[in-house]
């Protein structure tokens, strides 16, 4: 009798242990896949098969940058790069971006990556990407986009756009653009999002600079105008001024990145071709951030695909040792989105004297077209 009772107690304890272990594992799985559940919902809603990374097959010819994305595709767009010569929280380069696998905007949720050499990239904390989270209405077309990071003293700010979902069309509602901000002292732990601005006229690709206690904003609207505003607190903006900028025949402002160097503003402008819907890059400068020189078209490669087939989309630049370093978002003809690394000295840009040019991918030479 005692042996049977002992055996029964052993089996009972083992069963309880197994149940507790299973519940613990289930809880861990639930916590680990909090965002993944919504991600699966996004994939199921679209029914799209996402292409895997193509970095090895394209790297040599296009100088692509391999970055981790939370969706696993390695495809992304809308980068914003910050450079810290003495490192910020352990890294020289901080990059915000939005995954964009095969152009599927369900995954276009602002994320971060870090690097010390612009070749090897990693997430600052894999638990945080996407830093914005995923819209709760993504199943109805709710949509984040257009991420941008900026330093306010020693605080990093992430700004990003939100459009509500439309339950009738399951597509984003672009009648109102909302811009949110999250802040962090270390790039890992972030505050809750704050609604900073909204507009029915369009706030596309908001570029945010901060210096001397003031924010400067540049953005394009649905009339394809580049606009400029300022603010002390980031929320109460001045009345926007329309910037003067010429991009050549058929092109209008679309997305932009702006930095300051030696007292001047340098604008990396994505232009949209209004006649055939394609995108190209232009480089311009300004003394006041409002009146810009004519945008100079340029290309990060002399490859025919880059010159005539790829879309050169919202890209980013930093100045490092009197040299502009670019991360250029390109949509390849097969629909995949990757980043190309390129650069040229400020002197080389001056020597171009407003003419269209190519940055040779395997040498520091600039070829005037």
Protein backbone atom coordinates (compact mmCIF):
# COMPACT_ATOMS: atom_id res chain seq x y z
CA UNK A 1 0.00 0.00 0.00
CA UNK A 2 2.80 2.39 0.94
CA UNK A 3 4.62 1.69 -2.33
CA UNK A 4 1.48 2.45 -4.36
CA UNK A 5 0.90 5.67 -2.41
CA UNK A 6 4.53 6.76 -2.92
CA UNK A 7 4.32 6.01 -6.64
CA UNK A 8 1.03 7.95 -6.86
CA UNK A 9 2.55 10.96 -5.07
CA UNK A 10 5.57 10.89 -7.40
CA UNK A 11 3.34 10.85 -10.47
CA UNK A 12 1.21 13.66 -9.03
CA UNK A 13 4.27 15.84 -8.34
CA UNK A 14 5.65 15.13 -11.83
CA UNK A 15 2.31 16.07 -13.39
CA UNK A 16 2.15 19.33 -11.44
CA UNK A 17 5.72 20.13 -12.47
CA UNK A 18 4.92 19.50 -16.12
CA UNK A 19 1.83 21.70 -15.95
CA UNK A 20 3.75 24.54 -14.29
CA UNK A 21 6.58 24.22 -16.82
CA UNK A 22 4.15 24.28 -19.71
CA UNK A 23 2.36 27.34 -18.32
CA UNK A 24 5.69 29.10 -17.77
CA UNK A 25 6.82 28.32 -21.33
CA UNK A 26 3.45 29.47 -22.66
CA UNK A 27 3.71 32.76 -20.76
CA UNK A 28 7.21 33.33 -22.10
CA UNK A 29 6.05 32.58 -25.62
CA UNK A 30 3.13 34.96 -25.25
CA UNK A 31 5.42 37.74 -24.02
CA UNK A 32 7.97 37.10 -26.73
CA UNK A 33 5.40 37.20 -29.53
CA UNK A 34 3.35 40.22 -28.44
CA UNK A 35 4.23 42.06 -31.64
CA UNK A 36 4.59 38.93 -33.75
CA UNK A 37 0.90 38.11 -33.39
CA UNK A 38 0.01 41.41 -35.00
CA UNK A 39 2.72 40.86 -37.60
CA UNK A 40 1.17 37.53 -38.56
CA UNK A 41 -2.18 39.26 -38.80
CA UNK A 42 -0.62 41.75 -41.22
CA UNK A 43 0.80 39.01 -43.44
CA UNK A 44 -2.46 37.09 -43.43
CA UNK A 45 -4.44 40.20 -44.32
CA UNK A 46 -2.29 40.91 -47.36
CA UNK A 47 -1.53 37.30 -48.22
CA UNK A 48 1.87 38.42 -49.51
CA UNK A 49 5.00 36.29 -49.57
CA UNK A 50 7.91 38.40 -48.36
CA UNK A 51 11.22 38.08 -50.19
CA UNK A 52 14.19 37.11 -48.08
CA UNK A 53 17.35 39.28 -47.97
CA UNK A 54 19.24 39.50 -51.25
CA UNK A 55 22.33 41.17 -49.84
CA UNK A 56 24.90 38.53 -51.00
CA UNK A 57 23.75 38.53 -54.61
CA UNK A 58 23.65 42.33 -54.88
CA UNK A 59 26.31 43.50 -52.42
CA UNK A 60 29.30 43.56 -54.76
CA UNK A 61 27.67 45.57 -57.52
CA UNK A 62 25.72 48.06 -55.46
CA UNK A 63 27.61 48.45 -52.16
CA UNK A 64 24.53 47.48 -50.18
CA UNK A 65 24.28 47.74 -46.42
CA UNK A 66 22.91 44.72 -44.56
CA UNK A 67 20.65 45.65 -41.64
CA UNK A 68 18.50 43.52 -39.34
CA UNK A 69 14.76 44.15 -39.60
CA UNK A 70 12.20 42.77 -37.15
CA UNK A 71 10.25 41.14 -40.01
CA UNK A 72 13.34 39.24 -41.22
CA UNK A 73 13.28 40.56 -44.79
CA UNK A 74 16.28 42.91 -44.57
CA UNK A 75 14.36 45.34 -46.77
CA UNK A 76 13.85 48.92 -45.61
CA UNK A 77 13.49 52.55 -46.52
CA UNK A 78 13.32 56.06 -45.08
CA UNK A 79 16.65 56.04 -43.19
CA UNK A 80 17.87 58.81 -40.89
CA UNK A 81 21.51 58.60 -39.83
CA UNK A 82 23.19 60.32 -36.86
CA UNK A 83 26.97 60.32 -36.39
CA UNK A 84 28.69 60.62 -32.99
CA UNK A 85 32.52 60.87 -33.30
CA UNK A 86 32.91 60.06 -29.58
CA UNK A 87 29.99 57.60 -29.53
CA UNK A 88 26.59 57.95 -27.91
CA UNK A 89 25.68 55.17 -25.52
CA UNK A 90 28.38 52.96 -27.02
CA UNK A 91 27.95 53.54 -30.77
CA UNK A 92 29.17 55.96 -33.45
CA UNK A 93 26.22 55.58 -35.82
CA UNK A 94 22.56 55.47 -34.95
CA UNK A 95 20.03 54.84 -37.69
CA UNK A 96 16.26 54.99 -37.74
CA UNK A 97 14.41 53.31 -40.62
CA UNK A 98 11.18 51.59 -41.57
CA UNK A 99 11.11 47.98 -42.83
CA UNK A 100 9.41 47.84 -46.21
CA UNK A 101 9.42 44.25 -47.52
CA UNK A 102 8.43 44.27 -51.19
CA UNK A 103 6.65 47.58 -50.58
CA UNK A 104 4.28 46.17 -47.94
CA UNK A 105 3.50 49.15 -45.70
CA UNK A 106 2.00 46.95 -42.95
CA UNK A 107 5.56 46.46 -41.73
CA UNK A 108 6.62 50.10 -42.10
CA UNK A 109 7.12 50.59 -38.37
CA UNK A 110 10.03 52.79 -37.15
CA UNK A 111 13.02 50.80 -35.93
CA UNK A 112 16.64 51.42 -34.90
CA UNK A 113 20.07 49.98 -35.71
CA UNK A 114 23.59 50.88 -34.56
CA UNK A 115 27.11 50.49 -35.94
CA UNK A 116 30.70 51.59 -35.44
CA UNK A 117 31.81 51.21 -39.07
CA UNK A 118 28.63 51.50 -41.21
CA UNK A 119 29.28 47.95 -42.41
CA UNK A 120 28.25 45.79 -39.46
CA UNK A 121 24.87 46.74 -38.01
CA UNK A 122 22.84 45.41 -35.12
CA UNK A 123 19.78 46.33 -33.11
CA UNK A 124 20.56 48.29 -29.93
CA UNK A 125 18.06 46.00 -28.19
CA UNK A 126 16.15 43.41 -30.19
CA UNK A 127 13.26 43.54 -27.73
CA UNK A 128 12.51 47.13 -28.70
CA UNK A 129 12.13 46.95 -32.50
CA UNK A 130 9.95 48.27 -33.85
CA UNK A 131 10.45 51.14 -31.40
CA UNK A 132 7.12 52.64 -32.44
CA UNK A 133 5.28 49.39 -31.84
CA UNK A 134 2.67 48.26 -34.39
CA UNK A 135 -0.58 50.21 -34.91
CA UNK A 136 -3.49 48.54 -33.15
CA UNK A 137 -5.59 49.15 -36.25
CA UNK A 138 -3.08 47.65 -38.69
CA UNK A 139 -5.69 45.09 -39.71
CA UNK A 140 -7.82 47.99 -40.97
CA UNK A 141 -4.92 49.75 -42.69
CA UNK A 142 -3.50 51.69 -39.72
CA UNK A 143 -0.08 52.82 -40.81
CA UNK A 144 3.15 54.20 -39.30
CA UNK A 145 5.85 55.67 -41.58
CA UNK A 146 8.44 58.41 -42.13
CA UNK A 147 10.65 57.92 -39.07
CA UNK A 148 13.29 60.48 -38.07
CA UNK A 149 15.72 60.69 -35.15
CA UNK A 150 17.20 63.92 -33.76
CA UNK A 151 19.23 64.84 -30.68
CA UNK A 152 17.89 67.41 -28.22
CA UNK A 153 20.98 67.95 -26.10
CA UNK A 154 21.68 64.42 -24.79
CA UNK A 155 18.20 63.06 -25.44
CA UNK A 156 17.37 61.13 -28.60
CA UNK A 157 13.96 61.82 -30.10
CA UNK A 158 12.15 59.55 -32.54
CA UNK A 159 9.49 61.28 -34.65
CA UNK A 160 7.14 59.32 -36.89
CA UNK A 161 3.91 59.65 -38.85
CA UNK A 162 0.64 57.84 -38.29
CA UNK A 163 -2.44 57.46 -40.49
CA UNK A 164 -5.57 55.82 -39.14
CA UNK A 165 -7.02 52.72 -40.76
CA UNK A 166 -10.18 52.80 -42.83
CA UNK A 167 -12.48 49.91 -41.90
CA UNK A 168 -14.27 50.08 -45.25
CA UNK A 169 -11.21 49.89 -47.49
CA UNK A 170 -8.65 48.34 -45.07
CA UNK A 171 -6.24 51.00 -46.31
CA UNK A 172 -4.62 53.98 -44.54
CA UNK A 173 -6.68 57.15 -44.28
CA UNK A 174 -4.44 59.93 -45.57
CA UNK A 175 -6.93 62.74 -44.95
CA UNK A 176 -5.10 63.59 -41.69
CA UNK A 177 -1.41 63.05 -40.91
CA UNK A 178 -0.46 62.69 -37.23
CA UNK A 179 3.11 63.04 -35.95
CA UNK A 180 4.22 61.39 -32.73
CA UNK A 181 7.41 61.67 -30.69
CA UNK A 182 9.14 59.25 -28.33
CA UNK A 183 12.28 60.14 -26.35
CA UNK A 184 15.15 58.18 -24.82
CA UNK A 185 18.33 58.78 -22.79
CA UNK A 186 19.97 55.57 -24.03
CA UNK A 187 18.29 54.54 -27.29
CA UNK A 188 16.80 51.46 -25.63
CA UNK A 189 14.25 52.65 -23.10
CA UNK A 190 11.65 54.94 -24.66
CA UNK A 191 8.85 57.12 -23.33
CA UNK A 192 5.25 56.68 -24.35
CA UNK A 193 4.40 58.40 -27.66
CA UNK A 194 3.26 62.03 -27.57
CA UNK A 195 1.07 63.52 -30.30
CA UNK A 196 3.01 66.57 -31.47
CA UNK A 197 1.24 67.74 -34.63
CA UNK A 198 -1.52 66.90 -37.08
CA UNK A 199 -2.51 68.28 -40.46
CA UNK A 200 -5.09 67.85 -43.19
CA UNK A 201 -2.74 69.43 -45.72
CA UNK A 202 -0.01 66.81 -45.48
CA UNK A 203 3.12 66.41 -43.37
CA UNK A 204 5.32 64.11 -45.43
CA UNK A 205 8.81 63.01 -44.42
CA UNK A 206 9.16 65.42 -41.52
CA UNK A 207 12.80 66.44 -41.05
CA UNK A 208 13.61 67.72 -37.55
CA UNK A 209 16.71 69.64 -36.48
CA UNK A 210 17.35 71.00 -32.99
CA UNK A 211 19.89 73.63 -31.93
CA UNK A 212 20.11 76.60 -29.58
CA UNK A 213 16.85 75.71 -27.87
CA UNK A 214 14.76 75.64 -31.04
CA UNK A 215 13.35 73.05 -33.41
CA UNK A 216 13.42 73.51 -37.16
CA UNK A 217 11.05 71.47 -39.31
CA UNK A 218 11.00 70.77 -43.03
CA UNK A 219 8.30 68.72 -44.70
CA UNK A 220 6.40 68.42 -47.95
CA UNK A 221 2.65 68.74 -48.32
CA UNK A 222 0.17 67.30 -50.79
CA UNK A 223 0.75 70.27 -53.07
CA UNK A 224 4.39 69.12 -53.47
CA UNK A 225 5.80 72.13 -51.66
CA UNK A 226 8.79 72.05 -49.30
CA UNK A 227 7.76 73.89 -46.12
CA UNK A 228 9.74 75.23 -43.15
CA UNK A 229 8.58 75.95 -39.58
CA UNK A 230 10.16 76.50 -36.15
CA UNK A 231 9.13 75.71 -32.59
CA UNK A 232 10.42 76.08 -29.04
CA UNK A 233 8.69 73.04 -27.59
CA UNK A 234 8.17 70.87 -30.69
CA UNK A 235 4.38 71.17 -30.47
CA UNK A 236 3.49 74.83 -31.17
CA UNK A 237 4.82 75.46 -34.68
CA UNK A 238 5.22 78.79 -36.41
CA UNK A 239 3.26 79.47 -39.58
CA UNK A 240 5.08 77.50 -42.28
CA UNK A 241 7.06 79.25 -44.99
CA UNK A 242 7.30 77.83 -48.48
CA UNK A 243 10.91 77.08 -49.41
CA UNK A 244 12.24 78.03 -52.82
CA UNK A 245 13.76 75.02 -54.59
CA UNK A 246 14.08 74.00 -58.22
CA UNK A 247 14.52 70.34 -59.12
CA UNK A 248 14.25 70.57 -62.88
CA UNK A 249 11.58 69.60 -65.37
CA UNK A 250 8.72 67.39 -64.09
CA UNK A 251 10.24 66.92 -60.60
CA UNK A 252 8.74 68.17 -57.33
CA UNK A 253 9.78 67.76 -53.65
CA UNK A 254 8.70 64.54 -51.98
CA UNK A 255 10.98 63.39 -49.11
CA UNK A 256 14.06 65.07 -47.62
CA UNK A 257 16.95 65.04 -45.17
CA UNK A 258 18.76 68.22 -44.09
CA UNK A 259 21.95 68.77 -42.11
CA UNK A 260 23.96 71.85 -41.16
CA UNK A 261 27.65 72.16 -41.96
CA UNK A 262 29.86 75.24 -41.59
CA UNK A 263 26.87 77.55 -41.22
CA UNK A 264 25.00 76.27 -44.27
CA UNK A 265 22.12 73.88 -44.74
CA UNK A 266 22.61 70.90 -47.06
CA UNK A 267 19.46 69.33 -48.44
CA UNK A 268 19.27 65.77 -49.77
CA UNK A 269 15.98 65.93 -51.61
CA UNK A 270 13.98 63.08 -53.07
CA UNK A 271 12.07 64.37 -56.06
CA UNK A 272 9.00 62.74 -57.53
CA UNK A 273 8.55 62.76 -61.30
CA UNK A 274 5.00 63.98 -61.75
CA UNK A 275 4.68 62.62 -65.28
CA UNK A 276 5.80 59.00 -64.89
CA UNK A 277 5.83 58.48 -61.12
CA UNK A 278 9.43 57.68 -60.34
CA UNK A 279 11.93 59.10 -57.86
CA UNK A 280 15.41 60.64 -58.05
CA UNK A 281 17.86 62.36 -55.70
CA UNK A 282 19.05 65.97 -55.69
CA UNK A 283 21.60 67.79 -53.54
CA UNK A 284 21.22 71.46 -52.68
CA UNK A 285 22.44 74.07 -50.18
CA UNK A 286 21.06 77.14 -48.44
CA UNK A 287 22.27 79.91 -46.15
CA UNK A 288 18.94 80.30 -44.32
CA UNK A 289 17.19 76.93 -44.67
CA UNK A 290 14.46 78.47 -46.84
CA UNK A 291 16.07 79.63 -50.09
CA UNK A 292 17.88 76.68 -51.67
CA UNK A 293 20.15 76.47 -54.68
CA UNK A 294 19.02 74.48 -57.68
CA UNK A 295 18.89 70.81 -56.84
CA UNK A 296 21.77 68.92 -58.45
CA UNK A 297 20.83 65.40 -59.65
CA UNK A 298 23.29 62.68 -58.67
CA UNK A 299 23.56 58.91 -58.64
CA UNK A 300 25.43 56.53 -56.28
CA UNK A 301 26.52 54.25 -59.13
CA UNK A 302 27.06 54.29 -62.89
CA UNK A 303 25.24 50.96 -63.20
CA UNK A 304 22.41 51.16 -65.79
CA UNK A 305 19.92 49.79 -63.25
CA UNK A 306 20.65 52.70 -60.90
CA UNK A 307 20.76 55.27 -63.69
CA UNK A 308 17.47 54.41 -65.32
CA UNK A 309 15.47 51.68 -63.54
CA UNK A 310 15.78 51.98 -59.76
CA UNK A 311 13.88 54.47 -57.62
CA UNK A 312 16.22 56.53 -55.46
CA UNK A 313 13.99 57.25 -52.50
CA UNK A 314 14.19 59.05 -49.14
CA UNK A 315 17.86 58.90 -48.17
CA UNK A 316 20.10 60.39 -45.49
CA UNK A 317 23.49 62.05 -45.12
CA UNK A 318 25.96 63.05 -42.41
CA UNK A 319 29.18 65.04 -42.53
CA UNK A 320 32.30 63.25 -41.39
CA UNK A 321 35.79 64.80 -41.76
CA UNK A 322 34.70 67.26 -44.48
CA UNK A 323 32.99 64.48 -46.36
CA UNK A 324 29.34 63.68 -46.94
CA UNK A 325 28.42 60.08 -46.19
CA UNK A 326 25.17 58.84 -47.69
CA UNK A 327 22.85 55.93 -47.02
CA UNK A 328 20.63 55.85 -50.09
CA UNK A 329 17.33 53.97 -50.15
CA UNK A 330 16.79 52.32 -53.51
CA UNK A 331 13.90 50.32 -54.88
CA UNK A 332 15.24 47.79 -57.36
CA UNK A 333 13.24 46.75 -60.46
CA UNK A 334 12.10 43.52 -58.80
CA UNK A 335 10.38 45.55 -56.06
CA UNK A 336 12.87 44.98 -53.24
CA UNK A 337 14.14 47.89 -51.10
CA UNK A 338 17.74 48.19 -49.86
CA UNK A 339 20.28 50.77 -48.69
CA UNK A 340 23.36 51.76 -50.70
CA UNK A 341 26.37 53.32 -48.97
CA UNK A 342 28.16 56.13 -50.79
CA UNK A 343 29.98 59.40 -50.19
CA UNK A 344 31.85 62.38 -51.57
CA UNK A 345 33.86 65.26 -50.18
CA UNK A 346 32.32 68.68 -49.82
CA UNK A 347 34.99 69.93 -52.25
CA UNK A 348 33.84 67.41 -54.87
CA UNK A 349 30.29 68.65 -54.56
CA UNK A 350 31.55 72.21 -55.02
CA UNK A 351 33.52 71.15 -58.11
CA UNK A 352 30.39 69.70 -59.69
CA UNK A 353 29.21 73.32 -60.00
CA UNK A 354 25.56 72.42 -60.28
CA UNK A 355 25.99 69.74 -62.95
CA UNK A 356 24.50 66.26 -62.81
CA UNK A 357 27.06 63.76 -61.53
CA UNK A 358 27.74 60.15 -60.55
CA UNK A 359 29.64 59.00 -57.48
CA UNK A 360 31.82 56.17 -58.75
CA UNK A 361 31.04 53.19 -56.49
CA UNK A 362 34.57 51.76 -56.36
CA UNK A 363 36.62 54.95 -56.17
CA UNK A 364 36.38 58.40 -54.57
CA UNK A 365 36.00 59.95 -58.03
CA UNK A 366 33.01 61.99 -59.15
CA UNK A 367 31.99 61.76 -62.78
CA UNK A 368 30.23 64.78 -64.26
CA UNK A 369 27.50 63.84 -66.73
